[in-house]
Amino acid sequence: MSDWVRVASLNQLPVNRGRFFELRGHELAVFRLSNPERVVVVSNCCPHAGGNIAAGDVDGACVTCPWHQWQFNLETGVSPLSESARLTIYESRVVDQHVEARLPPKRKNTPSVMV
């Protein structure tokens, strides 16, 4: 069962940038996006080669991994370079100026990275 977990306050999140958080065994990239204003919580590990997604450049609803410039749509998690390369997107909400994410229990085995 997934639980709602408080991740950060909105004032900790720069607009149109990512920020890394580790909670309950999950490495998360949290993005506060504008136009329209919203928060997106995804897995921080790039499925291509394990890069730090939170450090990527944001353009609209797209983030570019800083390692090999793979791009991912933050609405769908999908990369235009490969339909099978997807970020995990976690359900998120803002409650009393704090971001919460619905996180499942931590999996024992982490998925392998595509090369």
N, C-alpha and C. Protein backbone atom coordinates (compact mmCIF):
# COMPACT_ATOMS: atom_id res chain seq x y z
N MET A 1 0.83 -1.18 0.00
CA MET A 1 0.00 0.00 0.00
C MET A 1 0.88 1.25 0.00
N SER A 2 0.51 2.25 -0.76
CA SER A 2 1.25 3.50 -0.84
C SER A 2 0.78 4.44 0.25
N ASP A 3 1.72 5.20 0.79
CA ASP A 3 1.42 6.17 1.83
C ASP A 3 1.78 7.57 1.35
N TRP A 4 0.99 8.57 1.78
CA TRP A 4 1.35 9.96 1.53
C TRP A 4 2.46 10.36 2.49
N VAL A 5 3.53 10.92 1.94
CA VAL A 5 4.69 11.31 2.73
C VAL A 5 5.01 12.77 2.42
N ARG A 6 5.24 13.55 3.46
CA ARG A 6 5.64 14.95 3.26
C ARG A 6 7.08 14.97 2.76
N VAL A 7 7.29 15.66 1.63
CA VAL A 7 8.61 15.70 1.00
C VAL A 7 9.34 17.00 1.30
N ALA A 8 8.66 18.13 1.10
CA ALA A 8 9.32 19.44 1.25
C ALA A 8 8.27 20.53 1.32
N SER A 9 8.69 21.69 1.79
CA SER A 9 7.80 22.84 1.70
C SER A 9 8.02 23.50 0.34
N LEU A 10 7.00 24.17 -0.16
CA LEU A 10 7.10 24.80 -1.47
C LEU A 10 8.25 25.80 -1.55
N ASN A 11 8.51 26.50 -0.44
CA ASN A 11 9.58 27.51 -0.48
C ASN A 11 10.98 26.89 -0.56
N GLN A 12 11.11 25.58 -0.41
CA GLN A 12 12.39 24.89 -0.59
C GLN A 12 12.66 24.54 -2.05
N LEU A 13 11.66 24.73 -2.90
CA LEU A 13 11.76 24.28 -4.29
C LEU A 13 11.88 25.46 -5.25
N PRO A 14 13.01 25.56 -5.93
CA PRO A 14 13.14 26.64 -6.92
C PRO A 14 12.22 26.36 -8.11
N VAL A 15 11.66 27.41 -8.68
CA VAL A 15 10.75 27.26 -9.81
C VAL A 15 11.55 26.85 -11.05
N ASN A 16 11.02 25.86 -11.76
CA ASN A 16 11.60 25.33 -13.00
C ASN A 16 12.99 24.72 -12.82
N ARG A 17 13.20 24.15 -11.65
CA ARG A 17 14.44 23.41 -11.35
C ARG A 17 14.04 22.19 -10.54
N GLY A 18 14.94 21.22 -10.47
CA GLY A 18 14.70 20.03 -9.67
C GLY A 18 15.46 20.09 -8.36
N ARG A 19 15.03 19.27 -7.44
CA ARG A 19 15.72 19.16 -6.15
C ARG A 19 15.65 17.69 -5.72
N PHE A 20 16.76 17.19 -5.21
CA PHE A 20 16.87 15.79 -4.79
C PHE A 20 16.43 15.62 -3.34
N PHE A 21 15.68 14.54 -3.10
CA PHE A 21 15.29 14.14 -1.75
C PHE A 21 15.37 12.63 -1.66
N GLU A 22 15.76 12.13 -0.51
CA GLU A 22 15.72 10.69 -0.27
C GLU A 22 14.79 10.44 0.91
N LEU A 23 13.74 9.66 0.66
CA LEU A 23 12.74 9.38 1.69
C LEU A 23 12.33 7.92 1.62
N ARG A 24 12.33 7.28 2.77
CA ARG A 24 11.86 5.89 2.86
C ARG A 24 12.49 4.98 1.82
N GLY A 25 13.77 5.18 1.56
CA GLY A 25 14.47 4.34 0.61
C GLY A 25 14.26 4.70 -0.85
N HIS A 26 13.55 5.79 -1.13
CA HIS A 26 13.31 6.23 -2.51
C HIS A 26 14.15 7.47 -2.78
N GLU A 27 14.85 7.49 -3.91
CA GLU A 27 15.56 8.67 -4.36
C GLU A 27 14.63 9.41 -5.31
N LEU A 28 14.28 10.65 -4.93
CA LEU A 28 13.27 11.41 -5.66
C LEU A 28 13.85 12.68 -6.25
N ALA A 29 13.33 13.06 -7.40
CA ALA A 29 13.58 14.37 -7.99
C ALA A 29 12.24 15.10 -7.94
N VAL A 30 12.24 16.26 -7.31
CA VAL A 30 11.01 17.04 -7.15
C VAL A 30 11.16 18.32 -7.95
N PHE A 31 10.20 18.58 -8.83
CA PHE A 31 10.22 19.74 -9.70
C PHE A 31 9.02 20.62 -9.40
N ARG A 32 9.29 21.91 -9.24
CA ARG A 32 8.21 22.91 -9.12
C ARG A 32 8.18 23.64 -10.46
N LEU A 33 7.15 23.36 -11.23
CA LEU A 33 7.06 23.89 -12.59
C LEU A 33 6.10 25.06 -12.66
N SER A 34 6.33 25.91 -13.64
CA SER A 34 5.42 27.03 -13.90
C SER A 34 4.72 26.80 -15.23
N ASN A 35 3.66 27.50 -15.45
CA ASN A 35 2.96 27.51 -16.74
C ASN A 35 2.48 26.15 -17.21
N PRO A 36 1.51 25.56 -16.55
CA PRO A 36 0.86 26.00 -15.32
C PRO A 36 1.68 25.59 -14.10
N GLU A 37 1.44 26.30 -13.00
CA GLU A 37 2.18 26.02 -11.76
C GLU A 37 1.73 24.68 -11.20
N ARG A 38 2.72 23.81 -10.96
CA ARG A 38 2.45 22.47 -10.42
C ARG A 38 3.74 21.88 -9.89
N VAL A 39 3.60 20.78 -9.17
CA VAL A 39 4.75 20.06 -8.63
C VAL A 39 4.72 18.65 -9.20
N VAL A 40 5.89 18.15 -9.60
CA VAL A 40 6.02 16.80 -10.14
C VAL A 40 7.10 16.08 -9.34
N VAL A 41 6.80 14.85 -8.93
CA VAL A 41 7.75 14.02 -8.19
C VAL A 41 8.03 12.78 -9.03
N VAL A 42 9.30 12.54 -9.34
CA VAL A 42 9.70 11.39 -10.16
C VAL A 42 10.88 10.69 -9.50
N SER A 43 11.18 9.50 -10.00
CA SER A 43 12.39 8.81 -9.56
C SER A 43 13.60 9.62 -10.01
N ASN A 44 14.61 9.71 -9.17
CA ASN A 44 15.77 10.54 -9.49
C ASN A 44 16.73 9.87 -10.46
N CYS A 45 16.68 8.57 -10.59
CA CYS A 45 17.64 7.81 -11.39
C CYS A 45 17.22 7.76 -12.86
N CYS A 46 18.05 8.28 -13.74
CA CYS A 46 17.78 8.22 -15.17
C CYS A 46 17.78 6.75 -15.61
N PRO A 47 16.74 6.29 -16.29
CA PRO A 47 16.70 4.89 -16.71
C PRO A 47 17.70 4.55 -17.80
N HIS A 48 18.31 5.54 -18.42
CA HIS A 48 19.32 5.27 -19.45
C HIS A 48 20.63 4.82 -18.82
N ALA A 49 21.17 5.62 -17.89
CA ALA A 49 22.48 5.28 -17.32
C ALA A 49 22.63 5.69 -15.86
N GLY A 50 21.53 5.98 -15.18
CA GLY A 50 21.59 6.25 -13.76
C GLY A 50 21.90 7.67 -13.36
N GLY A 51 21.83 8.62 -14.29
CA GLY A 51 22.14 10.02 -13.98
C GLY A 51 21.18 10.64 -12.98
N ASN A 52 21.62 11.75 -12.41
CA ASN A 52 20.88 12.50 -11.40
C ASN A 52 19.87 13.42 -12.08
N ILE A 53 18.63 12.96 -12.20
CA ILE A 53 17.59 13.72 -12.90
C ILE A 53 17.32 15.07 -12.23
N ALA A 54 17.40 15.15 -10.92
CA ALA A 54 17.13 16.41 -10.21
C ALA A 54 18.09 17.52 -10.65
N ALA A 55 19.27 17.17 -11.13
CA ALA A 55 20.26 18.17 -11.57
C ALA A 55 20.08 18.56 -13.03
N GLY A 56 19.08 17.97 -13.70
CA GLY A 56 18.88 18.25 -15.11
C GLY A 56 18.26 19.60 -15.39
N ASP A 57 18.45 20.07 -16.61
CA ASP A 57 17.83 21.32 -17.05
C ASP A 57 16.37 21.08 -17.39
N VAL A 58 15.53 22.04 -17.02
CA VAL A 58 14.09 21.94 -17.27
C VAL A 58 13.71 22.94 -18.35
N ASP A 59 12.94 22.46 -19.32
CA ASP A 59 12.40 23.32 -20.37
C ASP A 59 10.94 22.95 -20.54
N GLY A 60 10.05 23.78 -20.02
CA GLY A 60 8.62 23.47 -20.04
C GLY A 60 8.35 22.26 -19.15
N ALA A 61 7.81 21.19 -19.76
CA ALA A 61 7.53 19.97 -19.01
C ALA A 61 8.55 18.88 -19.32
N CYS A 62 9.74 19.29 -19.76
CA CYS A 62 10.78 18.34 -20.14
C CYS A 62 12.03 18.57 -19.29
N VAL A 63 12.64 17.47 -18.83
CA VAL A 63 13.90 17.56 -18.11
C VAL A 63 14.96 16.80 -18.92
N THR A 64 16.17 17.34 -18.95
CA THR A 64 17.28 16.72 -19.66
C THR A 64 18.29 16.21 -18.65
N CYS A 65 18.58 14.91 -18.72
CA CYS A 65 19.56 14.31 -17.81
C CYS A 65 20.94 14.93 -18.06
N PRO A 66 21.65 15.33 -17.01
CA PRO A 66 22.94 15.98 -17.20
C PRO A 66 24.05 15.04 -17.69
N TRP A 67 23.87 13.74 -17.60
CA TRP A 67 24.94 12.82 -18.01
C TRP A 67 25.05 12.65 -19.52
N HIS A 68 23.96 12.28 -20.18
CA HIS A 68 24.02 11.98 -21.61
C HIS A 68 22.94 12.72 -22.40
N GLN A 69 22.32 13.70 -21.78
CA GLN A 69 21.33 14.58 -22.41
C GLN A 69 20.07 13.84 -22.89
N TRP A 70 19.74 12.73 -22.25
CA TRP A 70 18.45 12.10 -22.55
C TRP A 70 17.37 12.98 -21.96
N GLN A 71 16.29 13.17 -22.70
CA GLN A 71 15.18 14.00 -22.24
C GLN A 71 14.01 13.14 -21.81
N PHE A 72 13.26 13.66 -20.84
CA PHE A 72 12.08 12.97 -20.33
C PHE A 72 10.95 13.97 -20.13
N ASN A 73 9.77 13.58 -20.54
CA ASN A 73 8.58 14.39 -20.32
C ASN A 73 8.16 14.20 -18.87
N LEU A 74 8.06 15.27 -18.11
CA LEU A 74 7.71 15.17 -16.70
C LEU A 74 6.23 14.88 -16.47
N GLU A 75 5.41 14.98 -17.50
CA GLU A 75 3.99 14.63 -17.36
C GLU A 75 3.78 13.13 -17.52
N THR A 76 4.54 12.52 -18.44
CA THR A 76 4.36 11.09 -18.74
C THR A 76 5.52 10.22 -18.25
N GLY A 77 6.68 10.83 -18.05
CA GLY A 77 7.88 10.08 -17.68
C GLY A 77 8.62 9.50 -18.87
N VAL A 78 8.05 9.57 -20.06
CA VAL A 78 8.60 8.92 -21.25
C VAL A 78 9.68 9.78 -21.92
N SER A 79 10.71 9.10 -22.44
CA SER A 79 11.74 9.76 -23.23
C SER A 79 11.37 9.67 -24.70
N PRO A 80 11.53 10.76 -25.46
CA PRO A 80 11.29 10.67 -26.90
C PRO A 80 12.32 9.80 -27.62
N LEU A 81 13.43 9.48 -26.94
CA LEU A 81 14.47 8.64 -27.54
C LEU A 81 14.15 7.16 -27.47
N SER A 82 13.34 6.77 -26.50
CA SER A 82 12.98 5.36 -26.35
C SER A 82 11.71 5.25 -25.52
N GLU A 83 10.70 4.64 -26.09
CA GLU A 83 9.43 4.47 -25.39
C GLU A 83 9.60 3.65 -24.11
N SER A 84 10.60 2.78 -24.07
CA SER A 84 10.80 1.93 -22.89
C SER A 84 11.60 2.63 -21.79
N ALA A 85 12.21 3.77 -22.09
CA ALA A 85 12.96 4.53 -21.08
C ALA A 85 11.99 5.49 -20.41
N ARG A 86 11.61 5.18 -19.18
CA ARG A 86 10.61 5.97 -18.47
C ARG A 86 11.06 6.27 -17.04
N LEU A 87 10.77 7.47 -16.61
CA LEU A 87 10.91 7.81 -15.20
C LEU A 87 9.66 7.33 -14.48
N THR A 88 9.81 6.90 -13.25
CA THR A 88 8.65 6.59 -12.44
C THR A 88 8.09 7.90 -11.92
N ILE A 89 6.81 8.11 -12.14
CA ILE A 89 6.15 9.32 -11.64
C ILE A 89 5.32 8.94 -10.43
N TYR A 90 5.50 9.69 -9.35
CA TYR A 90 4.75 9.45 -8.12
C TYR A 90 3.61 10.46 -8.02
N GLU A 91 2.46 10.00 -7.61
CA GLU A 91 1.34 10.90 -7.38
C GLU A 91 1.77 11.92 -6.34
N SER A 92 1.45 13.17 -6.58
CA SER A 92 1.86 14.22 -5.63
C SER A 92 0.73 15.22 -5.46
N ARG A 93 0.83 15.98 -4.37
CA ARG A 93 -0.15 17.01 -4.08
C ARG A 93 0.52 18.05 -3.19
N VAL A 94 -0.12 19.22 -3.11
CA VAL A 94 0.35 20.29 -2.21
C VAL A 94 -0.72 20.47 -1.14
N VAL A 95 -0.29 20.35 0.11
CA VAL A 95 -1.18 20.51 1.26
C VAL A 95 -0.53 21.51 2.21
N ASP A 96 -1.22 22.61 2.48
CA ASP A 96 -0.71 23.64 3.40
C ASP A 96 0.72 24.06 3.05
N GLN A 97 0.97 24.31 1.76
CA GLN A 97 2.26 24.79 1.26
C GLN A 97 3.38 23.74 1.40
N HIS A 98 3.01 22.47 1.52
CA HIS A 98 3.99 21.39 1.58
C HIS A 98 3.68 20.37 0.47
N VAL A 99 4.73 19.86 -0.16
CA VAL A 99 4.57 18.84 -1.19
C VAL A 99 4.52 17.48 -0.50
N GLU A 100 3.54 16.69 -0.90
CA GLU A 100 3.43 15.32 -0.42
C GLU A 100 3.45 14.41 -1.64
N ALA A 101 4.04 13.23 -1.48
CA ALA A 101 4.08 12.24 -2.56
C ALA A 101 3.55 10.93 -2.02
N ARG A 102 2.91 10.19 -2.87
CA ARG A 102 2.40 8.87 -2.50
C ARG A 102 3.48 7.86 -2.86
N LEU A 103 4.15 7.34 -1.84
CA LEU A 103 5.28 6.44 -2.06
C LEU A 103 4.92 5.01 -1.67
N PRO A 104 5.24 4.06 -2.54
CA PRO A 104 5.04 2.65 -2.19
C PRO A 104 6.15 2.20 -1.25
N PRO A 105 5.98 1.05 -0.62
CA PRO A 105 7.09 0.51 0.17
C PRO A 105 8.29 0.32 -0.74
N LYS A 106 9.47 0.47 -0.21
CA LYS A 106 10.70 0.33 -1.00
C LYS A 106 10.83 -1.10 -1.50
N ARG A 107 11.12 -1.24 -2.80
CA ARG A 107 11.34 -2.55 -3.38
C ARG A 107 12.69 -3.09 -2.95
N LYS A 108 12.78 -4.40 -2.79
CA LYS A 108 14.04 -5.02 -2.38
C LYS A 108 15.06 -5.01 -3.50
N ASN A 109 14.61 -5.22 -4.74
CA ASN A 109 15.51 -5.22 -5.88
C ASN A 109 15.27 -3.98 -6.70
N THR A 110 16.33 -3.23 -7.01
CA THR A 110 16.18 -2.05 -7.85
C THR A 110 16.34 -2.46 -9.30
N PRO A 111 15.64 -1.80 -10.21
CA PRO A 111 15.75 -2.19 -11.63
C PRO A 111 17.14 -1.89 -12.18
N SER A 112 17.56 -2.69 -13.12
CA SER A 112 18.86 -2.44 -13.76
C SER A 112 18.73 -1.26 -14.70
N VAL A 113 19.85 -0.65 -14.99
CA VAL A 113 19.87 0.52 -15.85
C VAL A 113 20.16 0.09 -17.28
N MET A 114 19.51 0.72 -18.25
CA MET A 114 19.76 0.40 -19.65
C MET A 114 21.02 1.11 -20.09
N VAL A 115 21.83 0.45 -20.90
CA VAL A 115 23.05 1.07 -21.42
C VAL A 115 22.98 1.12 -22.92
